[in-house]
PDB file of N, CA and C in Angstrom:
ATOM      1  N   UNK A   1      -6.751 -63.152  28.726  1.00  0.00           N
ATOM      2  CA  UNK A   1      -7.397 -63.448  30.042  1.00  0.00           C
ATOM      3  C   UNK A   1      -9.134 -62.394  30.793  1.00  0.00           C
ATOM      4  N   UNK A   2      -8.743 -61.090  30.231  1.00  0.00           N
ATOM      5  CA  UNK A   2     -10.122 -60.489  29.882  1.00  0.00           C
ATOM      6  C   UNK A   2     -10.899 -61.403  28.733  1.00  0.00           C
ATOM      7  N   UNK A   3     -10.328 -61.743  28.025  1.00  0.00           N
ATOM      8  CA  UNK A   3     -11.673 -62.063  27.164  1.00  0.00           C
ATOM      9  C   UNK A   3     -12.145 -63.186  27.325  1.00  0.00           C
ATOM     10  N   UNK A   4     -11.294 -63.948  28.343  1.00  0.00           N
ATOM     11  CA  UNK A   4     -11.754 -65.194  28.971  1.00  0.00           C
ATOM     12  C   UNK A   4     -13.114 -64.530  29.645  1.00  0.00           C
ATOM     13  N   UNK A   5     -13.055 -64.008  30.337  1.00  0.00           N
ATOM     14  CA  UNK A   5     -14.077 -63.786  31.520  1.00  0.00           C
ATOM     15  C   UNK A   5     -15.332 -62.958  30.727  1.00  0.00           C
ATOM     16  N   UNK A   6     -14.629 -62.230  29.811  1.00  0.00           N
ATOM     17  CA  UNK A   6     -15.759 -61.372  29.106  1.00  0.00           C
ATOM     18  C   UNK A   6     -16.538 -63.119  28.548  1.00  0.00           C
ATOM     19  N   UNK A   7     -16.142 -63.787  27.652  1.00  0.00           N
ATOM     20  CA  UNK A   7     -16.708 -65.258  27.095  1.00  0.00           C
ATOM     21  C   UNK A   7     -17.369 -65.801  28.502  1.00  0.00           C
ATOM     22  N   UNK A   8     -17.253 -65.661  29.722  1.00  0.00           N
ATOM     23  CA  UNK A   8     -17.271 -66.704  30.985  1.00  0.00           C
ATOM     24  C   UNK A   8     -19.352 -65.751  30.937  1.00  0.00           C
ATOM     25  N   UNK A   9     -18.558 -64.554  31.111  1.00  0.00           N
ATOM     26  CA  UNK A   9     -20.107 -63.444  31.224  1.00  0.00           C
ATOM     27  C   UNK A   9     -21.491 -63.882  30.334  1.00  0.00           C
ATOM     28  N   UNK A  10     -20.938 -63.485  29.070  1.00  0.00           N
ATOM     29  CA  UNK A  10     -21.548 -63.545  28.192  1.00  0.00           C
ATOM     30  C   UNK A  10     -22.496 -65.715  28.074  1.00  0.00           C
ATOM     31  N   UNK A  11     -21.890 -66.338  28.951  1.00  0.00           N
ATOM     32  CA  UNK A  11     -22.404 -67.800  28.491  1.00  0.00           C
ATOM     33  C   UNK A  11     -23.291 -67.768  29.900  1.00  0.00           C
ATOM     34  N   UNK A  12     -22.973 -67.253  30.957  1.00  0.00           N
ATOM     35  CA  UNK A  12     -23.381 -66.735  32.214  1.00  0.00           C
ATOM     36  C   UNK A  12     -25.021 -66.428  32.162  1.00  0.00           C
ATOM     37  N   UNK A  13     -24.993 -65.407  31.547  1.00  0.00           N
ATOM     38  CA  UNK A  13     -25.985 -64.424  31.167  1.00  0.00           C
ATOM     39  C   UNK A  13     -27.405 -65.301  30.220  1.00  0.00           C
ATOM     40  N   UNK A  14     -26.395 -65.496  29.162  1.00  0.00           N
ATOM     41  CA  UNK A  14     -27.337 -66.440  28.032  1.00  0.00           C
ATOM     42  C   UNK A  14     -28.115 -67.679  28.692  1.00  0.00           C
ATOM     43  N   UNK A  15     -27.379 -68.907  29.304  1.00  0.00           N
ATOM     44  CA  UNK A  15     -28.208 -69.750  29.844  1.00  0.00           C
ATOM     45  C   UNK A  15     -28.661 -69.230  30.993  1.00  0.00           C
ATOM     46  N   UNK A  16     -28.713 -68.404  31.379  1.00  0.00           N
ATOM     47  CA  UNK A  16     -29.937 -68.123  32.630  1.00  0.00           C
ATOM     48  C   UNK A  16     -31.039 -67.324  31.666  1.00  0.00           C
ATOM     49  N   UNK A  17     -30.574 -66.628  31.004  1.00  0.00           N
ATOM     50  CA  UNK A  17     -31.793 -66.006  30.082  1.00  0.00           C
ATOM     51  C   UNK A  17     -32.316 -67.764  29.496  1.00  0.00           C
ATOM     52  N   UNK A  18     -31.981 -68.462  28.838  1.00  0.00           N
ATOM     53  CA  UNK A  18     -32.479 -69.481  27.954  1.00  0.00           C
ATOM     54  C   UNK A  18     -33.194 -70.590  29.057  1.00  0.00           C
ATOM     55  N   UNK A  19     -32.707 -70.620  30.155  1.00  0.00           N
ATOM     56  CA  UNK A  19     -33.392 -71.051  31.218  1.00  0.00           C
ATOM     57  C   UNK A  19     -34.479 -70.909  31.722  1.00  0.00           C
ATOM     58  N   UNK A  20     -34.505 -69.180  31.812  1.00  0.00           N
ATOM     59  CA  UNK A  20     -35.853 -69.037  32.547  1.00  0.00           C
ATOM     60  C   UNK A  20     -36.816 -68.875  31.020  1.00  0.00           C
ATOM     61  N   UNK A  21     -36.588 -68.242  30.116  1.00  0.00           N
ATOM     62  CA  UNK A  21     -37.567 -68.317  29.013  1.00  0.00           C
ATOM     63  C   UNK A  21     -38.027 -69.515  28.721  1.00  0.00           C
ATOM     64  N   UNK A  22     -37.574 -71.116  28.836  1.00  0.00           N
ATOM     65  CA  UNK A  22     -37.926 -72.173  28.953  1.00  0.00           C
ATOM     66  C   UNK A  22     -39.009 -72.354  29.846  1.00  0.00           C
ATOM     67  N   UNK A  23     -38.580 -72.204  31.132  1.00  0.00           N
ATOM     68  CA  UNK A  23     -39.544 -72.340  32.160  1.00  0.00           C
ATOM     69  C   UNK A  23     -41.096 -71.627  32.076  1.00  0.00           C
ATOM     70  N   UNK A  24     -40.542 -70.025  31.559  1.00  0.00           N
ATOM     71  CA  UNK A  24     -41.888 -69.756  30.980  1.00  0.00           C
ATOM     72  C   UNK A  24     -42.806 -70.128  30.018  1.00  0.00           C
ATOM     73  N   UNK A  25     -41.743 -70.747  29.237  1.00  0.00           N
ATOM     74  CA  UNK A  25     -42.874 -71.679  27.852  1.00  0.00           C
ATOM     75  C   UNK A  25     -43.478 -72.528  28.869  1.00  0.00           C
ATOM     76  N   UNK A  26     -42.942 -73.547  29.190  1.00  0.00           N
ATOM     77  CA  UNK A  26     -43.162 -74.606  30.197  1.00  0.00           C
ATOM     78  C   UNK A  26     -44.406 -73.898  30.866  1.00  0.00           C
ATOM     79  N   UNK A  27     -43.969 -73.379  31.618  1.00  0.00           N
ATOM     80  CA  UNK A  27     -45.191 -72.450  32.550  1.00  0.00           C
ATOM     81  C   UNK A  27     -46.410 -72.050  31.987  1.00  0.00           C
ATOM     82  N   UNK A  28     -46.456 -71.512  30.824  1.00  0.00           N
ATOM     83  CA  UNK A  28     -47.633 -70.666  30.102  1.00  0.00           C
ATOM     84  C   UNK A  28     -47.971 -71.583  28.720  1.00  0.00           C
ATOM     85  N   UNK A  29     -47.211 -72.923  28.820  1.00  0.00           N
ATOM     86  CA  UNK A  29     -48.047 -73.886  27.142  1.00  0.00           C
ATOM     87  C   UNK A  29     -49.518 -74.047  28.317  1.00  0.00           C
ATOM     88  N   UNK A  30     -49.874 -73.905  29.048  1.00  0.00           N
ATOM     89  CA  UNK A  30     -51.447 -74.891  29.935  1.00  0.00           C
ATOM     90  C   UNK A  30     -52.268 -73.340  29.769  1.00  0.00           C
ATOM     91  N   UNK A  31     -51.971 -72.358  29.905  1.00  0.00           N
ATOM     92  CA  UNK A  31     -52.632 -71.038  30.119  1.00  0.00           C
ATOM     93  C   UNK A  31     -52.906 -70.606  28.536  1.00  0.00           C
ATOM     94  N   UNK A  32     -54.433 -70.357  28.533  1.00  0.00           N
ATOM     95  CA  UNK A  32     -54.236 -69.831  27.302  1.00  0.00           C
ATOM     96  C   UNK A  32     -54.418 -68.478  27.150  1.00  0.00           C
ATOM     97  N   UNK A  33     -53.271 -67.775  26.063  1.00  0.00           N
ATOM     98  CA  UNK A  33     -53.166 -66.208  26.204  1.00  0.00           C
ATOM     99  C   UNK A  33     -52.260 -66.383  24.888  1.00  0.00           C
ATOM    100  N   UNK A  34     -52.990 -64.705  24.265  1.00  0.00           N
ATOM    101  CA  UNK A  34     -52.683 -64.785  22.824  1.00  0.00           C
ATOM    102  C   UNK A  34     -50.957 -64.424  22.875  1.00  0.00           C
ATOM    103  N   UNK A  35     -50.929 -64.578  20.822  1.00  0.00           N
ATOM    104  CA  UNK A  35     -49.801 -64.416  20.905  1.00  0.00           C
ATOM    105  C   UNK A  35     -48.722 -63.612  21.491  1.00  0.00           C
ATOM    106  N   UNK A  36     -49.167 -61.986  21.328  1.00  0.00           N
ATOM    107  CA  UNK A  36     -48.596 -61.088  21.795  1.00  0.00           C
ATOM    108  C   UNK A  36     -47.934 -61.219  22.822  1.00  0.00           C
ATOM    109  N   UNK A  37     -48.746 -61.411  23.865  1.00  0.00           N
ATOM    110  CA  UNK A  37     -49.342 -61.182  25.224  1.00  0.00           C
ATOM    111  C   UNK A  37     -47.534 -61.854  25.886  1.00  0.00           C
ATOM    112  N   UNK A  38     -47.724 -63.623  25.057  1.00  0.00           N
ATOM    113  CA  UNK A  38     -46.683 -64.354  24.974  1.00  0.00           C
ATOM    114  C   UNK A  38     -45.496 -63.701  24.749  1.00  0.00           C
ATOM    115  N   UNK A  39     -45.023 -63.296  23.789  1.00  0.00           N
ATOM    116  CA  UNK A  39     -43.698 -62.795  23.283  1.00  0.00           C
ATOM    117  C   UNK A  39     -43.539 -61.332  24.278  1.00  0.00           C
ATOM    118  N   UNK A  40     -44.244 -61.013  24.621  1.00  0.00           N
ATOM    119  CA  UNK A  40     -44.260 -59.681  24.946  1.00  0.00           C
ATOM    120  C   UNK A  40     -43.826 -60.148  26.681  1.00  0.00           C
ATOM    121  N   UNK A  41     -44.186 -61.156  27.308  1.00  0.00           N
ATOM    122  CA  UNK A  41     -43.938 -61.887  28.337  1.00  0.00           C
ATOM    123  C   UNK A  41     -42.104 -62.569  28.242  1.00  0.00           C
ATOM    124  N   UNK A  42     -42.405 -62.932  27.044  1.00  0.00           N
ATOM    125  CA  UNK A  42     -41.026 -63.336  26.768  1.00  0.00           C
ATOM    126  C   UNK A  42     -39.254 -62.518  27.259  1.00  0.00           C
ATOM    127  N   UNK A  43     -39.617 -61.220  26.371  1.00  0.00           N
ATOM    128  CA  UNK A  43     -38.761 -60.257  26.821  1.00  0.00           C
ATOM    129  C   UNK A  43     -38.931 -59.400  27.572  1.00  0.00           C
ATOM    130  N   UNK A  44     -40.028 -59.259  28.670  1.00  0.00           N
ATOM    131  CA  UNK A  44     -39.876 -59.176  29.862  1.00  0.00           C
ATOM    132  C   UNK A  44     -38.864 -60.020  30.666  1.00  0.00           C
ATOM    133  N   UNK A  45     -39.038 -60.750  30.422  1.00  0.00           N
ATOM    134  CA  UNK A  45     -38.759 -62.111  31.723  1.00  0.00           C
ATOM    135  C   UNK A  45     -37.422 -62.402  31.132  1.00  0.00           C
ATOM    136  N   UNK A  46     -37.267 -62.456  29.996  1.00  0.00           N
ATOM    137  CA  UNK A  46     -35.474 -62.690  29.225  1.00  0.00           C
ATOM    138  C   UNK A  46     -34.450 -61.820  29.363  1.00  0.00           C
ATOM    139  N   UNK A  47     -35.394 -60.563  29.225  1.00  0.00           N
ATOM    140  CA  UNK A  47     -34.710 -59.298  30.053  1.00  0.00           C
ATOM    141  C   UNK A  47     -34.067 -58.980  31.083  1.00  0.00           C
ATOM    142  N   UNK A  48     -34.875 -59.316  31.448  1.00  0.00           N
ATOM    143  CA  UNK A  48     -34.160 -59.199  33.106  1.00  0.00           C
ATOM    144  C   UNK A  48     -34.113 -60.479  34.174  1.00  0.00           C
ATOM    145  N   UNK A  49     -33.839 -61.195  33.614  1.00  0.00           N
ATOM    146  CA  UNK A  49     -32.998 -62.407  33.737  1.00  0.00           C
ATOM    147  C   UNK A  49     -31.520 -61.849  33.411  1.00  0.00           C
ATOM    148  N   UNK A  50     -31.385 -61.748  31.968  1.00  0.00           N
ATOM    149  CA  UNK A  50     -30.193 -61.369  31.568  1.00  0.00           C
ATOM    150  C   UNK A  50     -29.483 -60.514  33.057  1.00  0.00           C
ATOM    151  N   UNK A  51     -30.573 -59.202  33.238  1.00  0.00           N
ATOM    152  CA  UNK A  51     -29.956 -58.128  33.786  1.00  0.00           C
ATOM    153  C   UNK A  51     -29.176 -58.395  35.643  1.00  0.00           C
ATOM    154  N   UNK A  52     -30.438 -59.502  35.892  1.00  0.00           N
ATOM    155  CA  UNK A  52     -30.131 -60.091  37.238  1.00  0.00           C
ATOM    156  C   UNK A  52     -28.899 -61.318  37.539  1.00  0.00           C
ATOM    157  N   UNK A  53     -28.978 -62.059  35.673  1.00  0.00           N
ATOM    158  CA  UNK A  53     -27.356 -62.554  35.775  1.00  0.00           C
ATOM    159  C   UNK A  53     -26.332 -62.155  36.117  1.00  0.00           C
ATOM    160  N   UNK A  54     -26.126 -60.681  35.330  1.00  0.00           N
ATOM    161  CA  UNK A  54     -25.346 -59.689  34.849  1.00  0.00           C
ATOM    162  C   UNK A  54     -24.703 -59.029  36.276  1.00  0.00           C
ATOM    163  N   UNK A  55     -25.839 -58.993  36.586  1.00  0.00           N
ATOM    164  CA  UNK A  55     -25.748 -58.367  38.032  1.00  0.00           C
ATOM    165  C   UNK A  55     -24.864 -59.045  39.206  1.00  0.00           C
ATOM    166  N   UNK A  56     -25.287 -60.725  39.158  1.00  0.00           N
ATOM    167  CA  UNK A  56     -25.013 -61.520  40.157  1.00  0.00           C
ATOM    168  C   UNK A  56     -23.332 -61.948  39.192  1.00  0.00           C
ATOM    169  N   UNK A  57     -22.798 -62.224  38.087  1.00  0.00           N
ATOM    170  CA  UNK A  57     -21.688 -62.254  37.914  1.00  0.00           C
ATOM    171  C   UNK A  57     -20.498 -61.543  38.144  1.00  0.00           C
ATOM    172  N   UNK A  58     -21.519 -59.945  38.455  1.00  0.00           N
ATOM    173  CA  UNK A  58     -20.450 -58.795  38.568  1.00  0.00           C
ATOM    174  C   UNK A  58     -19.831 -59.076  40.458  1.00  0.00           C
ATOM    175  N   UNK A  59     -21.223 -59.074  40.875  1.00  0.00           N
ATOM    176  CA  UNK A  59     -20.676 -59.798  42.388  1.00  0.00           C
ATOM    177  C   UNK A  59     -19.839 -60.425  42.764  1.00  0.00           C
ATOM    178  N   UNK A  60     -19.931 -62.195  42.354  1.00  0.00           N
ATOM    179  CA  UNK A  60     -19.241 -62.911  42.239  1.00  0.00           C
ATOM    180  C   UNK A  60     -18.150 -62.862  41.729  1.00  0.00           C
ATOM    181  N   UNK A  61     -17.202 -62.225  40.884  1.00  0.00           N
ATOM    182  CA  UNK A  61     -16.414 -62.137  39.792  1.00  0.00           C
ATOM    183  C   UNK A  61     -15.913 -60.922  40.790  1.00  0.00           C
ATOM    184  N   UNK A  62     -16.618 -60.035  41.567  1.00  0.00           N
ATOM    185  CA  UNK A  62     -16.165 -58.694  42.028  1.00  0.00           C
ATOM    186  C   UNK A  62     -14.822 -57.384  41.698  1.00  0.00           C
ATOM    187  N   UNK A  63     -15.463 -57.264  39.926  1.00  0.00           N
ATOM    188  CA  UNK A  63     -15.811 -55.942  39.355  1.00  0.00           C
ATOM    189  C   UNK A  63     -16.522 -56.077  39.013  1.00  0.00           C
ATOM    190  N   UNK A  64     -16.393 -55.101  38.002  1.00  0.00           N
ATOM    191  CA  UNK A  64     -17.727 -54.654  36.930  1.00  0.00           C
ATOM    192  C   UNK A  64     -17.550 -55.148  35.585  1.00  0.00           C
ATOM    193  N   UNK A  65     -18.953 -55.029  35.279  1.00  0.00           N
ATOM    194  CA  UNK A  65     -18.552 -55.797  33.984  1.00  0.00           C
ATOM    195  C   UNK A  65     -19.249 -54.472  33.139  1.00  0.00           C
ATOM    196  N   UNK A  66     -18.479 -54.395  31.909  1.00  0.00           N
ATOM    197  CA  UNK A  66     -18.974 -52.785  31.339  1.00  0.00           C
ATOM    198  C   UNK A  66     -19.633 -53.807  29.728  1.00  0.00           C
TER     199      UNK A  66
END
């Protein structure tokens, strides 16, 4: 049962990260930005959204995820 929960957790985090990075791509596509800055933003937004998704998943599931 625990493996299913871990799988769901990874799926939720992955989807949230993908959606936020996709939105960032769409929003910054019209903005002139250097290549390095764009990648830096992707890592920051992707990482923080994964952390937020993980935090909310822990709240919703009612138990901590290691």
